[in-house]
Amino acid sequence: MKQLLLVAHAPSQNTRRMAEAILRGANHPDIDAVQCRWVEPLQATPEDLFGCDAIILGTTENLGYMSGALKDFFDRCYYPVLALKQGLPCALYVRAGHDGTGTCRAVETICTGLRWRWIQPPLVCRGDWDETFLQQCEDLGMTMAAGLDVGIY
């Protein structure tokens, strides 16, 4: 069974709904050989990364940067996993009140240093809340899990 890890900061009801949509997509009934679990960034450990086959990162845009919780995750996990998780398939979604550019750049820089492999460009849910963000997140979760299920990643 392949393991998909969701490390997502969800400080509001809507960002929680986004993470739940990722899980819903990843747990689609047609996907048989993938388990997905969500760990909050402040609770995630290098061991969580050692046990996963792919990762989806989720964050809010905070002052043009990632959330402090996601940054803390990277600060604690970067060096312990650097040599052992190169090539890890990854994806990112951002709940951005503005444009999300700085947030994406910061996360992409760290993931490039880790030598993780992007499966698609970041999903940036910009501006005022829109219910379509949930379907976009569900699609992201399903895409990542389906790729793992059939051995693309």
Protein backbone atom coordinates (compact mmCIF):
# COMPACT_ATOMS: atom_id res chain seq x y z
CA MET A 1 0.00 0.00 0.00
CA LYS A 2 1.46 3.38 -1.04
CA GLN A 3 1.33 6.25 1.45
CA LEU A 4 0.32 9.80 0.51
CA LEU A 5 1.04 12.38 3.17
CA LEU A 6 -0.85 15.65 3.42
CA VAL A 7 0.96 18.28 5.48
CA ALA A 8 -1.42 21.22 5.55
CA HIS A 9 -1.93 24.24 7.76
CA ALA A 10 -5.67 24.84 8.15
CA PRO A 11 -6.34 27.65 10.62
CA SER A 12 -9.87 28.43 9.43
CA GLN A 13 -13.04 26.57 8.59
CA ASN A 14 -12.49 27.08 4.85
CA THR A 15 -8.86 25.97 4.87
CA ARG A 16 -9.94 22.90 6.86
CA ARG A 17 -12.52 22.20 4.15
CA MET A 18 -9.76 22.45 1.54
CA ALA A 19 -7.64 19.84 3.35
CA GLU A 20 -10.69 17.60 3.70
CA ALA A 21 -11.30 17.97 -0.05
CA ILE A 22 -7.72 16.81 -0.71
CA LEU A 23 -8.41 13.74 1.44
CA ARG A 24 -11.73 13.10 -0.30
CA GLY A 25 -10.05 13.13 -3.69
CA ALA A 26 -7.14 10.98 -2.55
CA ASN A 27 -9.54 8.44 -1.07
CA HIS A 28 -11.63 8.11 -4.23
CA PRO A 29 -13.22 4.63 -4.35
CA ASP A 30 -11.47 3.78 -7.64
CA ILE A 31 -8.04 4.23 -6.03
CA ASP A 32 -7.16 0.95 -4.37
CA ALA A 33 -3.52 0.91 -3.37
CA VAL A 34 -3.04 4.34 -1.74
CA GLN A 35 -3.70 5.49 1.80
CA CYS A 36 -3.74 9.21 2.52
CA ARG A 37 -3.43 10.86 5.89
CA TRP A 38 -3.32 14.44 7.05
CA VAL A 39 -0.79 15.65 9.59
CA GLU A 40 -0.76 19.25 10.78
CA PRO A 41 2.64 20.87 10.09
CA LEU A 42 3.43 21.45 13.76
CA GLN A 43 2.90 17.73 14.47
CA ALA A 44 4.63 16.35 11.36
CA THR A 45 8.01 14.70 11.87
CA PRO A 46 10.81 13.35 9.70
CA GLU A 47 9.40 9.87 10.42
CA ASP A 48 6.16 10.90 8.68
CA LEU A 49 8.22 11.75 5.61
CA PHE A 50 10.24 8.54 5.78
CA GLY A 51 6.99 6.57 5.65
CA CYS A 52 5.42 8.33 2.66
CA ASP A 53 5.66 7.79 -1.08
CA ALA A 54 4.43 11.30 -2.02
CA ILE A 55 3.44 14.50 -0.27
CA ILE A 56 0.93 17.30 -0.73
CA LEU A 57 1.74 20.53 1.08
CA GLY A 58 -0.95 23.05 1.96
CA THR A 59 -0.57 26.53 3.37
CA THR A 60 -2.16 29.89 3.71
CA GLU A 61 -0.47 32.96 2.31
CA ASN A 62 0.84 34.91 5.29
CA LEU A 63 2.33 38.31 4.46
CA GLY A 64 3.42 37.00 1.07
CA TYR A 65 5.02 33.89 2.58
CA MET A 66 4.04 30.40 3.73
CA SER A 67 2.45 29.91 7.13
CA GLY A 68 4.77 29.85 10.12
CA ALA A 69 3.54 26.31 10.83
CA LEU A 70 4.68 25.03 7.42
CA LYS A 71 8.01 26.86 7.77
CA ASP A 72 8.46 25.19 11.17
CA PHE A 73 7.83 21.79 9.52
CA PHE A 74 10.57 22.47 6.97
CA ASP A 75 12.96 23.79 9.65
CA ARG A 76 12.61 20.58 11.69
CA CYS A 77 12.53 18.08 8.82
CA TYR A 78 14.83 19.46 6.12
CA TYR A 79 18.20 18.04 7.17
CA PRO A 80 16.96 14.70 8.58
CA VAL A 81 15.28 13.81 5.25
CA LEU A 82 17.57 15.60 2.78
CA ALA A 83 19.62 12.61 1.67
CA LEU A 84 16.91 9.97 2.11
CA LYS A 85 13.84 11.41 0.36
CA GLN A 86 15.27 12.86 -2.84
CA GLY A 87 12.85 12.53 -5.75
CA LEU A 88 9.78 12.52 -3.48
CA PRO A 89 6.76 13.44 -5.64
CA CYS A 90 5.20 16.61 -4.25
CA ALA A 91 2.43 19.08 -4.87
CA LEU A 92 1.39 22.35 -3.25
CA TYR A 93 -1.84 24.22 -2.74
CA VAL A 94 -2.06 27.76 -1.36
CA ARG A 95 -5.04 29.67 -0.02
CA ALA A 96 -3.97 33.15 -1.06
CA GLY A 97 -5.71 36.38 -0.22
CA HIS A 98 -3.48 38.09 -2.76
CA ASP A 99 -1.56 36.46 -5.60
CA GLY A 100 0.38 33.68 -3.80
CA THR A 101 3.58 34.37 -5.73
CA GLY A 102 5.89 34.81 -2.73
CA THR A 103 4.35 31.82 -0.96
CA CYS A 104 4.87 29.54 -3.96
CA ARG A 105 8.41 30.80 -4.49
CA ALA A 106 9.36 30.13 -0.86
CA VAL A 107 7.97 26.59 -0.81
CA GLU A 108 9.37 25.77 -4.25
CA THR A 109 12.83 26.95 -3.18
CA ILE A 110 12.85 24.65 -0.17
CA CYS A 111 11.48 21.68 -2.12
CA THR A 112 14.08 22.25 -4.84
CA GLY A 113 16.77 22.12 -2.14
CA LEU A 114 15.29 18.83 -0.95
CA ARG A 115 15.35 17.62 -4.58
CA TRP A 116 11.66 16.76 -4.47
CA ARG A 117 9.85 16.29 -7.78
CA TRP A 118 6.85 18.48 -8.62
CA ILE A 119 3.94 16.62 -10.17
CA GLN A 120 2.21 19.83 -11.28
CA PRO A 121 2.44 23.59 -10.79
CA PRO A 122 1.13 24.86 -7.45
CA LEU A 123 -2.63 25.21 -7.07
CA VAL A 124 -3.21 28.78 -5.91
CA CYS A 125 -6.73 29.58 -4.71
CA ARG A 126 -6.68 33.38 -4.93
CA GLY A 127 -8.87 36.18 -3.68
CA ASP A 128 -12.23 35.98 -1.96
CA TRP A 129 -13.48 32.56 -0.95
CA ASP A 130 -14.94 30.55 -3.82
CA GLU A 131 -16.60 27.16 -3.38
CA THR A 132 -14.82 25.98 -6.55
CA PHE A 133 -11.61 25.88 -4.50
CA LEU A 134 -12.92 22.67 -2.93
CA GLN A 135 -13.29 20.89 -6.26
CA GLN A 136 -9.82 22.05 -7.29
CA CYS A 137 -8.39 20.59 -4.08
CA GLU A 138 -10.32 17.36 -4.50
CA ASP A 139 -8.95 17.07 -8.04
CA LEU A 140 -5.40 17.61 -6.75
CA GLY A 141 -5.78 14.88 -4.14
CA MET A 142 -7.23 12.49 -6.71
CA THR A 143 -4.50 13.27 -9.25
CA MET A 144 -1.70 12.60 -6.79
CA ALA A 145 -3.27 9.41 -5.41
CA ALA A 146 -4.17 8.07 -8.86
CA GLY A 147 -0.62 8.64 -10.06
CA LEU A 148 0.73 6.71 -7.09
CA ASP A 149 -1.88 4.00 -7.57
CA VAL A 150 -0.85 3.27 -11.17
CA GLY A 151 2.88 3.78 -10.58
CA ILE A 152 3.41 7.05 -12.47
CA TYR A 153 5.24 8.58 -9.49
